[in-house]
């Protein structure tokens, strides 16, 4: 793996080695990121065509408002 993403690669290796779980890392990242960052990530995820893995109700465009 390239060394430009050293920490990212260490986390991915820890997942591969069974030290961390996908769920633990995902939950930690979602709690760490701001709601705006999570919304941006989710919309990007959908825009890149990953919606095929989601149930139909989750395929709707995601709209986030700070005031909701």
Protein backbone atom coordinates (compact mmCIF):
# COMPACT_ATOMS: atom_id res chain seq x y z
CA UNK A 1 0.00 0.00 0.00
CA UNK A 2 1.22 3.53 -0.69
CA UNK A 3 2.65 5.40 2.27
CA UNK A 4 0.80 8.65 1.48
CA UNK A 5 -2.12 7.38 3.57
CA UNK A 6 -0.12 5.77 6.38
CA UNK A 7 -2.77 6.00 9.10
CA UNK A 8 -5.57 4.98 6.74
CA UNK A 9 -3.55 1.96 5.70
CA UNK A 10 -2.82 1.04 9.33
CA UNK A 11 -6.54 1.08 10.11
CA UNK A 12 -7.35 -1.01 7.02
CA UNK A 13 -4.65 -3.51 7.98
CA UNK A 14 -6.02 -3.71 11.55
CA UNK A 15 -9.44 -4.52 10.05
CA UNK A 16 -7.89 -7.16 7.78
CA UNK A 17 -6.05 -8.66 10.77
CA UNK A 18 -9.24 -8.79 12.84
CA UNK A 19 -8.00 -6.28 15.42
CA UNK A 20 -10.75 -3.80 14.49
CA UNK A 21 -14.15 -4.42 12.95
CA UNK A 22 -15.69 -2.52 10.06
CA UNK A 23 -18.58 -1.56 12.33
CA UNK A 24 -16.32 -0.16 15.06
CA UNK A 25 -14.36 1.99 12.62
CA UNK A 26 -17.48 3.20 10.80
CA UNK A 27 -19.29 4.12 14.01
CA UNK A 28 -16.22 5.93 15.33
CA UNK A 29 -15.79 7.92 12.12
CA UNK A 30 -19.48 8.85 11.94
CA UNK A 31 -19.37 10.10 15.53
CA UNK A 32 -16.15 12.03 14.89
CA UNK A 33 -17.29 13.80 11.71
CA UNK A 34 -19.66 16.76 11.82
CA UNK A 35 -23.23 16.17 10.61
CA UNK A 36 -22.44 18.28 7.53
CA UNK A 37 -19.43 16.09 6.71
CA UNK A 38 -21.51 12.93 7.12
CA UNK A 39 -24.25 14.37 4.88
CA UNK A 40 -21.67 15.33 2.24
CA UNK A 41 -20.11 11.86 2.39
CA UNK A 42 -23.49 10.14 2.12
CA UNK A 43 -24.57 12.25 -0.86
CA UNK A 44 -21.24 11.58 -2.56
CA UNK A 45 -21.71 7.86 -1.86
CA UNK A 46 -25.10 7.96 -3.58
CA UNK A 47 -23.85 10.14 -6.45
CA UNK A 48 -21.05 7.66 -7.18
CA UNK A 49 -23.59 4.91 -7.83
CA UNK A 50 -23.43 3.00 -4.57
CA UNK A 51 -27.18 3.32 -4.01
CA UNK A 52 -27.65 -0.11 -5.59
CA UNK A 53 -26.59 -1.62 -2.26
CA UNK A 54 -29.22 0.28 -0.27
CA UNK A 55 -32.90 -0.54 0.30
CA UNK A 56 -35.29 1.49 -1.92
CA UNK A 57 -36.27 3.98 0.82
CA UNK A 58 -32.61 4.94 1.36
CA UNK A 59 -32.08 5.75 -2.34
CA UNK A 60 -33.90 9.06 -2.03
CA UNK A 61 -31.68 12.16 -2.32
CA UNK A 62 -30.40 13.05 1.12
CA UNK A 63 -31.35 16.49 2.30
CA UNK A 64 -29.84 17.80 5.49
CA UNK A 65 -30.66 21.07 7.12
CA UNK A 66 -29.02 22.38 10.25
CA UNK A 67 -32.44 23.61 11.36
CA UNK A 68 -34.20 20.21 11.24
